[in-house]
Amino acid sequence: MTTPPSASSGATPLVLVVGAGPVGLTAANLLGTLGVRVLVVERHTTTSDEAKAISLDDESLRTLQLADLDEAVYPIIVPGTGTRYYGVDGRPLVHARGTGERRYGHPFKNHFAQPDLERLLRSALDRFPHVDVRFGTRLVQLTQYPDRVWATLASGDGDGDGDGGQATQQIEAAYVLGCDGGRSTVREQLSVPMRGRSYPDDVWLVVDTLDDPHDQRYGMHVGDPDRPLVIVPGRAGRCRYEFRLRPGECAPGTAVPFGLVRDLLRPHRDITPEQVERSVAYTFHALLAERLRVGRCFLLGDAAHMMPPFAGQGLNSGVRDAANLCWKAADVLAGRATEALLDTYDTERRPHAQAMIDLSVRLGRLVMTTDHRRARLRDLCVRAALRSRRGRRYLTEMRYRPDTRVTTGAVAPTDGPGQALTGTLLQQPFVLHGPGYTSTRLDDPLGPGWSLLGIGLSDDDWTGVAAAGLPDARYVDVVLGDRAPREHGGRAAVSDGDGALDAYLAPLPGHLLLVRPDRLIAAVFTPGQADHVARTLARFLPPPSVSQPPTAIRRSVIF
């Protein structure tokens, strides 16, 4: 192995984020909120002006809430949308829009324009003096060592060798997050192949338009086998159209003739060239990186996985990557966790990413089929399913989406009635909190780190749990049965604000929920099982002499 350069004496650990798209900028905001020093590099000179991704789900909005950005995002989204599916004859089949409940504190599905989101996320990084963003800067080379990564960066014009007006620089990073898209330089440097398949014969035309007359707040998937079509109205007269192209109409990556755009849009609206914001012919991929972690480098977003657009989960899967990884990196850098915790990123994210890829492929084959017999059979099956309550809920509440439950990783399964919750996201109902009975979403009183929710526990129960060696967490009494949330023994307290908290946790009196910083439930257990949970998670925790005390400030810059 090449002898590594000398480490910077006393330097604050740095996380290098490569790529300033929505996933990279989300990761940088999460890390910045957690006090981690970050450098973001992006080869382009500004954020993107192309509306690629167009849907944020409730989990993604909750992740932005962790970065104190959810309220800032609401003005740029169309909240609470769904998808209406149409059959062969043009009649509506089903309107899928979730349960209507805000299980995670936010609307289930929300349309947006990617340029608006990127500008907001980039501007939000100005909050952090410890986060540096450099556009017009690209990664040239990565060299890994056991305790750090050396990255060569190039900025300016030229070919990357320091000539032609291009400047190069070497920086030292504790970790590198590759958020640099489907043609990821980080993935190339790591020699990680993508597994799966591409669909070169399925060519689609995406057209983003202005001054559009559609006022629907839902997407429309038109399952006409002669011309499958997607229409997604946005804010302020924006609207996206996606058409399945026929052979010879337009090749992927070539200039799209305006005449083709005009002809395809004619049944839906009149269009002028000035009203076409973007038009691109493309094919899609169903690919997953062979590894999501190589040493101190990680792959996120399209660098890690690519999927067809039909489930609207490409960007949302990337945001899940950032939510899963960033708190782990912050805890390891702060000495609150061991390197073993970082191995769980691949373990936890890979199954769900693959499930989302598979769902997207299935939806494309079913909803956007060009086979008339399959399309007619699809319509018959959907209409038959809607006659039963179970079938209706399966379709309208989008229960066909893969479960996000984590079964292997930084979780501690136990026996008992709460086992079904382990590895799932904690729901976020409105709760009452504090002496003034303030109504707020559950995440707010939990804070940014680990939290331990005790449901109807006594002081003696809490005393025994505190001695078990669980992760440093904020203790929270969950008060059920329309009683006041009175803080006691240094613990926070919450009680039901709208009936949802009681419905969610009332079946678990005398139990505790250990909740990770990404709001995933790591364990559901009784006080008597606390030692078992602590032993299960022990490999992710530093020795007691190294661990920070419970009063450590989690949002300060790590020094």
Protein backbone atom coordinates (compact mmCIF):
# COMPACT_ATOMS: atom_id res chain seq x y z
CA MET A 1 0.00 0.00 0.00
CA THR A 2 1.22 3.48 -0.82
CA THR A 3 2.36 5.39 2.24
CA PRO A 4 -0.42 7.86 3.10
CA PRO A 5 0.26 11.56 3.37
CA SER A 6 0.56 12.86 6.90
CA ALA A 7 -2.76 13.52 8.55
CA SER A 8 -3.64 17.11 9.32
CA SER A 9 -2.71 17.55 12.98
CA GLY A 10 -5.74 18.48 15.04
CA ALA A 11 -7.91 19.07 11.96
CA THR A 12 -11.66 18.79 12.31
CA PRO A 13 -12.89 15.64 10.51
CA LEU A 14 -14.39 16.46 7.12
CA VAL A 15 -17.06 14.67 5.11
CA LEU A 16 -16.73 15.20 1.37
CA VAL A 17 -20.04 15.16 -0.50
CA VAL A 18 -19.57 14.73 -4.25
CA GLY A 19 -22.58 16.02 -6.17
CA ALA A 20 -24.92 18.91 -5.38
CA GLY A 21 -28.17 17.46 -6.63
CA PRO A 22 -31.12 16.97 -4.27
CA VAL A 23 -29.56 13.94 -2.54
CA GLY A 24 -26.14 15.51 -2.02
CA LEU A 25 -27.64 18.77 -0.80
CA THR A 26 -30.01 16.91 1.54
CA ALA A 27 -27.07 14.94 2.96
CA ALA A 28 -25.07 18.15 3.44
CA ASN A 29 -27.98 19.79 5.29
CA LEU A 30 -28.42 16.77 7.56
CA LEU A 31 -24.70 16.65 8.34
CA GLY A 32 -24.60 20.40 8.85
CA THR A 33 -27.50 20.18 11.29
CA LEU A 34 -25.60 17.51 13.21
CA GLY A 35 -22.52 19.72 13.45
CA VAL A 36 -20.31 17.86 10.97
CA ARG A 37 -17.83 19.81 8.85
CA VAL A 38 -18.73 19.26 5.20
CA LEU A 39 -17.34 20.09 1.78
CA VAL A 40 -19.75 19.77 -1.16
CA VAL A 41 -18.29 19.74 -4.68
CA GLU A 42 -20.29 19.90 -7.89
CA ARG A 43 -18.86 19.79 -11.40
CA HIS A 44 -21.55 22.09 -12.78
CA THR A 45 -21.36 25.81 -12.08
CA THR A 46 -24.84 26.14 -10.54
CA THR A 47 -27.70 24.02 -9.29
CA SER A 48 -29.69 22.30 -12.02
CA ASP A 49 -32.30 24.17 -14.05
CA GLU A 50 -33.87 20.91 -15.27
CA ALA A 51 -37.02 19.56 -13.63
CA LYS A 52 -36.03 15.90 -13.37
CA ALA A 53 -37.58 14.51 -10.16
CA ILE A 54 -41.09 15.78 -9.45
CA SER A 55 -42.42 13.91 -6.40
CA LEU A 56 -41.55 14.06 -2.69
CA ASP A 57 -43.23 11.63 -0.31
CA ASP A 58 -44.01 11.96 3.39
CA GLU A 59 -40.81 10.19 4.43
CA SER A 60 -38.70 12.66 2.46
CA LEU A 61 -40.50 15.64 3.99
CA ARG A 62 -39.86 14.15 7.41
CA THR A 63 -36.16 13.87 6.58
CA LEU A 64 -36.18 17.55 5.63
CA GLN A 65 -37.87 18.20 8.96
CA LEU A 66 -34.83 16.63 10.65
CA ALA A 67 -32.77 19.29 8.88
CA ASP A 68 -35.21 22.04 9.98
CA LEU A 69 -36.34 22.56 6.37
CA ASP A 70 -39.80 21.07 6.10
CA GLU A 71 -41.66 24.35 6.58
CA ALA A 72 -39.37 26.06 4.05
CA VAL A 73 -40.22 23.38 1.48
CA TYR A 74 -44.02 23.68 1.69
CA PRO A 75 -44.22 26.87 -0.42
CA ILE A 76 -42.61 25.07 -3.39
CA ILE A 77 -44.68 21.85 -3.37
CA VAL A 78 -48.21 20.85 -4.31
CA PRO A 79 -49.11 19.04 -1.07
CA GLY A 80 -51.28 15.98 -0.68
CA THR A 81 -51.47 14.82 -4.28
CA GLY A 82 -52.06 11.32 -5.57
CA THR A 83 -52.17 9.43 -8.84
CA ARG A 84 -55.25 8.70 -10.93
CA TYR A 85 -54.96 5.73 -13.27
CA TYR A 86 -56.95 5.50 -16.51
CA GLY A 87 -57.73 2.38 -18.52
CA VAL A 88 -57.84 1.40 -22.17
CA ASP A 89 -61.08 3.27 -22.79
CA GLY A 90 -59.87 6.47 -21.10
CA ARG A 91 -62.15 6.01 -18.10
CA PRO A 92 -60.69 6.35 -14.58
CA LEU A 93 -59.67 3.09 -12.96
CA VAL A 94 -58.52 4.08 -9.49
CA HIS A 95 -57.27 7.13 -7.61
CA ALA A 96 -54.33 6.18 -5.38
CA ARG A 97 -53.55 8.77 -2.72
CA GLY A 98 -52.61 6.97 0.49
CA THR A 99 -54.76 6.72 3.59
CA GLY A 100 -55.37 10.44 3.94
CA GLU A 101 -53.70 10.28 7.34
CA ARG A 102 -50.36 11.94 7.99
CA ARG A 103 -48.68 8.96 9.62
CA TYR A 104 -45.27 10.60 9.42
CA GLY A 105 -46.48 14.13 10.01
CA HIS A 106 -46.63 15.21 6.36
CA PRO A 107 -48.79 14.64 3.25
CA PHE A 108 -48.30 11.28 1.56
CA LYS A 109 -47.26 12.54 -1.90
CA ASN A 110 -46.29 15.99 -3.10
CA HIS A 111 -45.35 17.39 -6.50
CA PHE A 112 -42.53 19.90 -6.90
CA ALA A 113 -40.03 21.28 -9.41
CA GLN A 114 -36.47 20.05 -8.89
CA PRO A 115 -34.79 23.42 -9.66
CA ASP A 116 -36.84 25.04 -6.88
CA LEU A 117 -35.86 22.33 -4.40
CA GLU A 118 -32.17 22.46 -5.29
CA ARG A 119 -32.05 26.24 -4.89
CA LEU A 120 -33.74 25.98 -1.50
CA LEU A 121 -31.42 23.23 -0.27
CA ARG A 122 -28.35 25.10 -1.51
CA SER A 123 -29.44 28.34 0.14
CA ALA A 124 -30.11 26.50 3.41
CA LEU A 125 -26.45 25.49 3.65
CA ASP A 126 -25.55 29.12 4.25
CA ARG A 127 -26.79 28.54 7.82
CA PHE A 128 -23.70 26.54 8.58
CA PRO A 129 -20.24 28.12 8.82
CA HIS A 130 -18.83 24.58 8.87
CA VAL A 131 -20.30 23.65 5.44
CA ASP A 132 -18.45 24.73 2.29
CA VAL A 133 -19.99 24.41 -1.20
CA ARG A 134 -17.86 24.62 -4.34
CA PHE A 135 -19.52 24.60 -7.75
CA GLY A 136 -17.43 24.20 -10.88
CA THR A 137 -15.31 21.67 -8.97
CA ARG A 138 -15.03 18.02 -9.85
CA LEU A 139 -13.53 14.95 -8.29
CA VAL A 140 -10.50 13.64 -10.19
CA GLN A 141 -9.16 10.88 -7.97
CA LEU A 142 -9.78 9.09 -4.69
CA THR A 143 -7.12 7.34 -2.64
CA GLN A 144 -8.25 5.47 0.45
CA TYR A 145 -6.27 4.71 3.60
CA PRO A 146 -7.43 2.94 6.77
CA ASP A 147 -8.06 6.20 8.64
CA ARG A 148 -8.90 8.71 5.89
CA VAL A 149 -9.44 9.42 2.20
CA TRP A 150 -7.38 11.74 0.01
CA ALA A 151 -9.35 13.32 -2.83
CA THR A 152 -7.94 15.25 -5.76
CA LEU A 153 -10.29 18.02 -6.89
CA ALA A 154 -10.10 20.14 -10.04
CA SER A 155 -11.74 23.50 -10.66
CA GLY A 156 -11.77 25.87 -13.62
CA ASP A 157 -11.28 24.94 -17.29
CA GLY A 158 -9.00 22.26 -18.65
CA ASP A 159 -8.59 18.50 -18.64
CA GLY A 160 -7.89 17.87 -14.97
CA ASP A 161 -4.07 17.69 -15.04
CA GLY A 162 -3.49 21.22 -13.85
CA ASP A 163 -3.05 22.71 -17.32
CA GLY A 164 -5.45 24.80 -19.38
CA GLY A 165 -6.35 27.13 -16.52
CA GLN A 166 -7.53 24.31 -14.26
CA ALA A 167 -6.44 24.28 -10.63
CA THR A 168 -6.11 21.05 -8.67
CA GLN A 169 -6.18 20.53 -4.92
CA GLN A 170 -5.89 17.58 -2.57
CA ILE A 171 -8.14 17.44 0.46
CA GLU A 172 -8.31 14.98 3.32
CA ALA A 173 -11.69 13.57 4.32
CA ALA A 174 -12.90 11.18 6.98
CA TYR A 175 -15.63 9.92 4.63
CA VAL A 176 -16.76 10.48 1.05
CA LEU A 177 -20.42 10.43 0.02
CA GLY A 178 -20.88 9.77 -3.70
CA CYS A 179 -24.08 11.59 -4.63
CA ASP A 180 -22.96 12.30 -8.18
CA GLY A 181 -25.65 10.59 -10.22
CA GLY A 182 -25.94 7.69 -12.62
CA ARG A 183 -22.53 8.35 -14.19
CA SER A 184 -20.90 8.60 -10.77
CA THR A 185 -17.19 9.39 -10.67
CA VAL A 186 -17.06 8.09 -7.11
CA ARG A 187 -18.53 4.75 -8.17
CA GLU A 188 -16.07 4.59 -11.07
CA GLN A 189 -13.14 5.36 -8.77
CA LEU A 190 -14.28 2.57 -6.45
CA SER A 191 -14.70 0.12 -9.37
CA VAL A 192 -18.20 -0.84 -8.19
CA PRO A 193 -20.37 -2.37 -10.94
CA MET A 194 -24.11 -1.87 -11.29
CA ARG A 195 -26.27 -4.98 -11.43
CA GLY A 196 -29.65 -5.23 -13.14
CA ARG A 197 -30.82 -4.32 -16.62
CA SER A 198 -31.53 -1.38 -18.89
CA TYR A 199 -34.43 -0.92 -21.31
CA PRO A 200 -32.97 0.55 -24.52
CA ASP A 201 -36.08 -0.19 -26.58
CA ASP A 202 -38.47 1.61 -24.21
CA VAL A 203 -38.02 5.23 -25.29
CA TRP A 204 -39.96 7.96 -23.49
CA LEU A 205 -40.33 11.65 -24.17
CA VAL A 206 -40.57 13.97 -21.18
CA VAL A 207 -41.85 17.49 -21.83
CA ASP A 208 -41.98 20.12 -19.09
CA THR A 209 -44.36 22.90 -20.06
CA LEU A 210 -45.38 26.36 -18.86
CA ASP A 211 -48.76 28.16 -18.89
CA ASP A 212 -50.58 24.84 -18.71
CA PRO A 213 -54.39 24.76 -18.25
CA HIS A 214 -54.46 21.65 -16.01
CA ASP A 215 -55.66 22.45 -12.49
CA GLN A 216 -55.72 18.88 -11.13
CA ARG A 217 -53.66 18.27 -7.99
CA TYR A 218 -52.92 14.68 -8.93
CA GLY A 219 -50.84 12.87 -11.49
CA MET A 220 -52.56 11.05 -14.35
CA HIS A 221 -51.27 7.73 -15.68
CA VAL A 222 -53.11 6.97 -18.91
CA GLY A 223 -52.85 3.26 -19.70
CA ASP A 224 -53.67 3.55 -23.40
CA PRO A 225 -51.63 0.77 -25.05
CA ASP A 226 -51.49 2.77 -28.28
CA ARG A 227 -49.80 5.68 -26.49
CA PRO A 228 -49.10 5.31 -22.76
CA LEU A 229 -48.96 8.74 -21.16
CA VAL A 230 -48.24 10.41 -17.83
CA ILE A 231 -49.44 13.93 -16.97
CA VAL A 232 -48.29 15.60 -13.75
CA PRO A 233 -49.55 19.15 -13.10
CA GLY A 234 -47.29 21.29 -10.92
CA ARG A 235 -47.28 24.76 -9.41
CA ALA A 236 -47.86 28.05 -11.21
CA GLY A 237 -48.92 26.58 -14.55
CA ARG A 238 -46.11 24.04 -14.87
CA CYS A 239 -47.00 20.58 -16.11
CA ARG A 240 -45.02 17.50 -17.08
CA TYR A 241 -46.05 15.19 -19.92
CA GLU A 242 -44.36 11.85 -20.57
CA PHE A 243 -45.15 9.87 -23.74
CA ARG A 244 -44.10 6.38 -24.72
CA LEU A 245 -42.50 6.86 -28.14
CA ARG A 246 -42.85 4.56 -31.11
CA PRO A 247 -39.85 3.28 -33.06
CA GLY A 248 -38.29 5.98 -35.22
CA GLU A 249 -40.04 8.97 -33.58
CA CYS A 250 -36.98 10.21 -31.66
CA ALA A 251 -33.75 8.59 -30.51
CA PRO A 252 -32.62 8.94 -26.87
CA GLY A 253 -30.17 11.78 -26.31
CA THR A 254 -30.94 13.54 -29.61
CA ALA A 255 -32.62 16.91 -30.08
CA VAL A 256 -36.39 16.61 -29.84
CA PRO A 257 -38.19 18.19 -32.82
CA PHE A 258 -40.74 20.78 -31.73
CA GLY A 259 -43.16 19.35 -34.27
CA LEU A 260 -43.19 16.02 -32.39
CA VAL A 261 -43.85 17.81 -29.10
CA ARG A 262 -46.65 19.86 -30.65
CA ASP A 263 -48.31 16.84 -32.23
CA LEU A 264 -48.21 14.74 -29.06
CA LEU A 265 -49.57 17.58 -26.93
CA ARG A 266 -52.33 18.57 -29.37
CA PRO A 267 -55.06 16.45 -27.67
CA HIS A 268 -54.22 18.09 -24.33
CA ARG A 269 -53.24 21.70 -25.08
CA ASP A 270 -51.81 24.14 -27.61
CA ILE A 271 -48.11 24.83 -27.20
CA THR A 272 -45.54 27.32 -28.45
CA PRO A 273 -41.76 26.84 -28.38
CA GLU A 274 -41.49 29.41 -25.57
CA GLN A 275 -43.81 27.29 -23.42
CA VAL A 276 -41.53 24.23 -23.59
CA GLU A 277 -39.27 24.40 -20.57
CA ARG A 278 -37.55 21.08 -21.33
CA SER A 279 -37.97 18.17 -23.72
CA VAL A 280 -35.82 15.05 -23.58
CA ALA A 281 -36.06 11.57 -25.05
CA TYR A 282 -34.70 8.96 -22.67
CA THR A 283 -34.58 5.29 -21.74
CA PHE A 284 -34.62 4.02 -18.17
CA HIS A 285 -32.62 1.60 -16.07
CA ALA A 286 -33.25 -0.83 -13.22
CA LEU A 287 -29.82 -1.04 -11.59
CA LEU A 288 -28.36 -1.42 -8.11
CA ALA A 289 -24.70 -0.99 -7.17
CA GLU A 290 -22.98 -4.20 -6.11
CA ARG A 291 -21.79 -2.45 -2.94
CA LEU A 292 -22.99 0.73 -1.26
CA ARG A 293 -19.90 1.04 0.93
CA VAL A 294 -16.26 0.60 0.00
CA GLY A 295 -13.98 1.47 2.90
CA ARG A 296 -14.66 5.09 3.82
CA CYS A 297 -16.67 5.83 0.67
CA PHE A 298 -20.43 5.47 0.24
CA LEU A 299 -22.83 5.60 -2.70
CA LEU A 300 -26.20 7.38 -2.46
CA GLY A 301 -29.04 8.23 -4.84
CA ASP A 302 -28.60 7.49 -8.54
CA ALA A 303 -24.95 6.66 -7.90
CA ALA A 304 -26.24 3.71 -5.87
CA HIS A 305 -29.45 2.77 -7.68
CA MET A 306 -31.48 3.73 -10.75
CA MET A 307 -35.08 2.81 -11.36
CA PRO A 308 -37.92 3.48 -13.80
CA PRO A 309 -39.99 6.55 -12.90
CA PHE A 310 -43.39 4.87 -12.61
CA ALA A 311 -43.43 4.56 -8.79
CA GLY A 312 -42.07 8.09 -8.26
CA GLN A 313 -39.42 6.74 -5.88
CA GLY A 314 -36.08 7.56 -7.51
CA LEU A 315 -35.36 10.75 -5.57
CA ASN A 316 -37.19 9.54 -2.47
CA SER A 317 -34.98 6.46 -2.34
CA GLY A 318 -31.94 8.73 -2.45
CA VAL A 319 -33.29 10.85 0.40
CA ARG A 320 -33.77 7.63 2.40
CA ASP A 321 -30.12 6.86 1.74
CA ALA A 322 -29.09 10.22 3.20
CA ALA A 323 -31.40 9.83 6.21
CA ASN A 324 -30.00 6.38 6.96
CA LEU A 325 -26.32 7.25 6.58
CA CYS A 326 -25.75 10.80 7.81
CA TRP A 327 -26.58 10.31 11.49
CA LYS A 328 -24.39 7.21 11.54
CA ALA A 329 -21.41 9.10 10.14
CA ALA A 330 -22.00 11.93 12.62
CA ASP A 331 -22.19 9.54 15.58
CA VAL A 332 -19.00 7.72 14.56
CA LEU A 333 -17.11 11.00 14.10
CA ALA A 334 -18.31 12.20 17.51
CA GLY A 335 -17.26 8.98 19.25
CA ARG A 336 -20.85 7.95 19.98
CA ALA A 337 -20.66 4.88 17.75
CA THR A 338 -18.16 2.45 16.29
CA GLU A 339 -17.25 1.93 12.64
CA ALA A 340 -19.44 -1.19 12.65
CA LEU A 341 -22.48 1.09 12.55
CA LEU A 342 -21.48 2.29 9.08
CA ASP A 343 -21.61 -1.27 7.72
CA THR A 344 -25.35 -1.28 8.40
CA TYR A 345 -25.89 1.32 5.67
CA ASP A 346 -25.59 -1.31 2.95
CA THR A 347 -27.36 -3.95 5.03
CA GLU A 348 -30.36 -1.73 5.71
CA ARG A 349 -30.71 0.16 2.43
CA ARG A 350 -30.01 -2.52 -0.15
CA PRO A 351 -33.17 -4.65 0.32
CA HIS A 352 -35.49 -1.67 0.19
CA ALA A 353 -33.75 -0.08 -2.80
CA GLN A 354 -34.06 -3.36 -4.70
CA ALA A 355 -37.72 -3.67 -3.74
CA MET A 356 -38.41 -0.16 -5.07
CA ILE A 357 -36.62 -0.96 -8.31
CA ASP A 358 -38.70 -4.13 -8.72
CA LEU A 359 -41.94 -2.25 -7.99
CA SER A 360 -41.09 0.43 -10.53
CA VAL A 361 -40.44 -2.20 -13.19
CA ARG A 362 -43.72 -4.02 -12.42
CA LEU A 363 -45.76 -0.82 -12.54
CA GLY A 364 -44.22 0.09 -15.87
CA ARG A 365 -45.03 -3.30 -17.36
CA LEU A 366 -48.59 -3.21 -16.04
CA VAL A 367 -49.68 0.41 -16.26
CA MET A 368 -47.69 1.47 -19.33
CA THR A 369 -48.03 -1.73 -21.35
CA THR A 370 -48.41 -1.57 -25.15
CA ASP A 371 -50.05 -5.00 -25.24
CA HIS A 372 -53.81 -4.59 -25.78
CA ARG A 373 -54.74 -7.94 -24.22
CA ARG A 374 -52.65 -7.28 -21.12
CA ALA A 375 -54.12 -3.78 -20.82
CA ARG A 376 -57.71 -5.06 -20.99
CA LEU A 377 -56.95 -7.80 -18.44
CA ARG A 378 -55.36 -5.17 -16.17
CA ASP A 379 -58.50 -3.04 -16.29
CA LEU A 380 -60.74 -6.01 -15.50
CA CYS A 381 -58.58 -7.05 -12.54
CA VAL A 382 -58.46 -3.54 -11.09
CA ARG A 383 -62.23 -3.04 -11.35
CA ALA A 384 -62.82 -6.45 -9.77
CA ALA A 385 -60.42 -5.69 -6.91
CA LEU A 386 -62.19 -2.41 -6.18
CA ARG A 387 -65.38 -4.33 -5.34
CA SER A 388 -63.85 -5.66 -2.13
CA ARG A 389 -62.79 -3.55 0.83
CA ARG A 390 -59.40 -5.25 0.97
CA GLY A 391 -58.74 -4.75 -2.73
CA ARG A 392 -59.93 -1.15 -2.63
CA ARG A 393 -57.61 -0.30 0.25
CA TYR A 394 -54.71 -2.10 -1.42
CA LEU A 395 -55.04 0.07 -4.52
CA THR A 396 -56.27 3.43 -3.22
CA GLU A 397 -53.93 3.48 -0.23
CA MET A 398 -50.97 2.34 -2.37
CA ARG A 399 -50.32 -0.67 -0.15
CA TYR A 400 -48.41 -2.22 -3.02
CA ARG A 401 -45.44 -0.04 -2.09
CA PRO A 402 -42.67 -2.12 -0.44
CA ASP A 403 -42.45 -2.13 3.33
CA THR A 404 -39.54 -0.04 4.60
CA ARG A 405 -39.02 -2.29 7.63
CA VAL A 406 -35.40 -3.01 8.55
CA THR A 407 -34.87 -6.59 9.73
CA THR A 408 -31.05 -6.75 9.82
CA GLY A 409 -28.73 -3.98 10.94
CA ALA A 410 -28.79 -1.58 13.88
CA VAL A 411 -31.99 -3.04 15.33
CA ALA A 412 -32.64 -5.31 18.31
CA PRO A 413 -35.66 -7.61 17.87
CA THR A 414 -37.30 -8.92 21.03
CA ASP A 415 -40.19 -11.19 21.88
CA GLY A 416 -43.42 -9.47 22.71
CA PRO A 417 -46.46 -7.62 21.37
CA GLY A 418 -44.43 -4.72 19.93
CA GLN A 419 -42.21 -6.83 17.72
CA ALA A 420 -44.06 -5.74 14.56
CA LEU A 421 -42.90 -2.16 15.15
CA THR A 422 -39.19 -2.97 15.39
CA GLY A 423 -37.39 -1.79 12.26
CA THR A 424 -40.26 0.47 11.14
CA LEU A 425 -40.40 4.24 11.08
CA LEU A 426 -41.90 5.79 14.19
CA GLN A 427 -45.18 7.43 13.34
CA GLN A 428 -45.38 11.16 13.97
CA PRO A 429 -48.75 12.18 15.37
CA PHE A 430 -49.44 15.56 16.94
CA VAL A 431 -48.74 15.52 20.67
CA LEU A 432 -49.06 17.86 23.63
CA HIS A 433 -45.73 18.83 25.12
CA GLY A 434 -44.41 21.13 27.83
CA PRO A 435 -46.07 23.11 30.63
CA GLY A 436 -48.24 25.05 28.19
CA TYR A 437 -49.57 21.89 26.52
CA THR A 438 -48.08 23.00 23.22
CA SER A 439 -49.38 21.03 20.24
CA THR A 440 -46.50 19.87 18.08
CA ARG A 441 -45.38 16.96 15.95
CA LEU A 442 -43.76 14.13 17.88
CA ASP A 443 -40.27 14.56 16.38
CA ASP A 444 -39.89 18.06 17.81
CA PRO A 445 -39.70 17.10 21.53
CA LEU A 446 -37.55 14.06 20.67
CA GLY A 447 -34.62 16.19 19.54
CA PRO A 448 -31.95 15.29 16.97
CA GLY A 449 -30.36 12.21 18.57
CA TRP A 450 -31.50 8.86 19.94
CA SER A 451 -34.67 8.88 22.02
CA LEU A 452 -36.23 6.39 24.42
CA LEU A 453 -40.00 6.50 24.75
CA GLY A 454 -41.45 4.89 27.86
CA ILE A 455 -45.16 4.09 27.82
CA GLY A 456 -46.60 4.36 31.30
CA LEU A 457 -43.35 3.51 33.12
CA SER A 458 -42.62 4.08 36.80
CA ASP A 459 -39.51 5.84 38.13
CA ASP A 460 -38.14 2.47 39.22
CA ASP A 461 -38.56 1.14 35.67
CA TRP A 462 -36.59 4.10 34.30
CA THR A 463 -33.85 3.62 36.88
CA GLY A 464 -33.32 0.01 35.80
CA VAL A 465 -33.33 0.92 32.11
CA ALA A 466 -30.78 3.70 32.63
CA ALA A 467 -28.28 1.16 33.99
CA ALA A 468 -28.54 -1.19 31.02
CA GLY A 469 -25.96 0.47 28.75
CA LEU A 470 -28.30 1.52 25.95
CA PRO A 471 -27.26 4.27 23.51
CA ASP A 472 -27.22 7.76 24.99
CA ALA A 473 -30.80 8.90 24.42
CA ARG A 474 -33.35 11.49 25.42
CA TYR A 475 -35.86 9.95 27.83
CA VAL A 476 -39.51 10.69 27.05
CA ASP A 477 -42.57 9.66 29.08
CA VAL A 478 -45.52 8.82 26.82
CA VAL A 479 -48.68 9.67 28.76
CA LEU A 480 -51.83 7.98 27.46
CA GLY A 481 -55.50 8.30 28.25
CA ASP A 482 -56.12 12.06 27.92
CA ARG A 483 -53.79 12.93 30.79
CA ALA A 484 -51.47 15.92 31.08
CA PRO A 485 -47.84 15.59 29.90
CA ARG A 486 -45.99 16.47 33.10
CA GLU A 487 -42.22 16.31 33.00
CA HIS A 488 -40.65 14.40 35.86
CA GLY A 489 -37.23 13.09 36.84
CA GLY A 490 -35.49 15.06 34.12
CA ARG A 491 -37.50 13.32 31.42
CA ALA A 492 -39.54 15.00 28.71
CA ALA A 493 -43.21 14.09 28.44
CA VAL A 494 -45.77 13.94 25.64
CA SER A 495 -49.44 13.06 25.57
CA ASP A 496 -52.04 12.53 22.89
CA GLY A 497 -52.92 15.56 20.77
CA ASP A 498 -55.49 14.24 18.32
CA GLY A 499 -56.17 10.57 19.14
CA ALA A 500 -53.42 9.16 16.92
CA LEU A 501 -50.80 8.67 19.66
CA ASP A 502 -53.18 6.68 21.84
CA ALA A 503 -54.26 4.53 18.90
CA TYR A 504 -50.64 3.86 17.99
CA LEU A 505 -49.09 3.09 21.39
CA ALA A 506 -51.94 2.20 23.73
CA PRO A 507 -51.45 -1.56 23.05
CA LEU A 508 -47.94 -1.32 24.59
CA PRO A 509 -48.27 -0.22 28.22
CA GLY A 510 -45.11 -0.86 30.21
CA HIS A 511 -42.94 -0.98 27.07
CA LEU A 512 -40.17 1.21 25.72
CA LEU A 513 -39.39 2.24 22.16
CA LEU A 514 -35.73 2.93 21.37
CA VAL A 515 -35.79 5.33 18.43
CA ARG A 516 -32.76 6.11 16.27
CA PRO A 517 -31.94 9.64 15.05
CA ASP A 518 -33.47 8.75 11.65
CA ARG A 519 -36.73 7.93 13.53
CA LEU A 520 -36.49 4.23 12.89
CA ILE A 521 -37.55 2.10 15.87
CA ALA A 522 -34.49 0.09 16.87
CA ALA A 523 -36.24 -1.93 19.58
CA VAL A 524 -39.53 -2.39 21.42
CA PHE A 525 -39.00 -3.97 24.83
CA THR A 526 -39.97 -4.17 28.48
CA PRO A 527 -37.65 -2.91 31.25
CA GLY A 528 -36.67 -6.53 31.88
CA GLN A 529 -35.44 -6.86 28.29
CA ALA A 530 -33.25 -3.74 28.38
CA ASP A 531 -30.06 -5.72 29.01
CA HIS A 532 -30.76 -7.93 25.98
CA VAL A 533 -31.29 -4.88 23.76
CA ALA A 534 -28.08 -3.29 25.05
CA ARG A 535 -26.09 -6.46 24.33
CA THR A 536 -27.52 -6.69 20.81
CA LEU A 537 -26.52 -3.11 20.01
CA ALA A 538 -23.21 -3.20 21.91
CA ARG A 539 -21.05 -3.73 18.82
CA PHE A 540 -22.25 -0.36 17.49
CA LEU A 541 -21.38 1.52 20.67
CA PRO A 542 -17.95 2.63 21.96
CA PRO A 543 -16.69 1.41 25.35
CA PRO A 544 -18.33 3.28 28.25
CA SER A 545 -15.14 5.22 29.00
CA VAL A 546 -15.19 6.71 25.48
CA SER A 547 -18.89 7.40 25.16
CA GLN A 548 -20.03 10.98 25.59
CA PRO A 549 -22.22 11.80 28.60
CA PRO A 550 -25.96 12.18 28.06
CA THR A 551 -25.69 15.95 28.36
CA ALA A 552 -23.41 16.29 25.29
CA ILE A 553 -24.54 18.97 22.86
CA ARG A 554 -25.36 17.21 19.61
CA ARG A 555 -25.70 20.19 17.28
CA SER A 556 -22.31 21.76 17.89
CA VAL A 557 -19.47 21.45 15.39
CA ILE A 558 -17.38 18.36 16.07
CA PHE A 559 -13.88 19.23 17.27
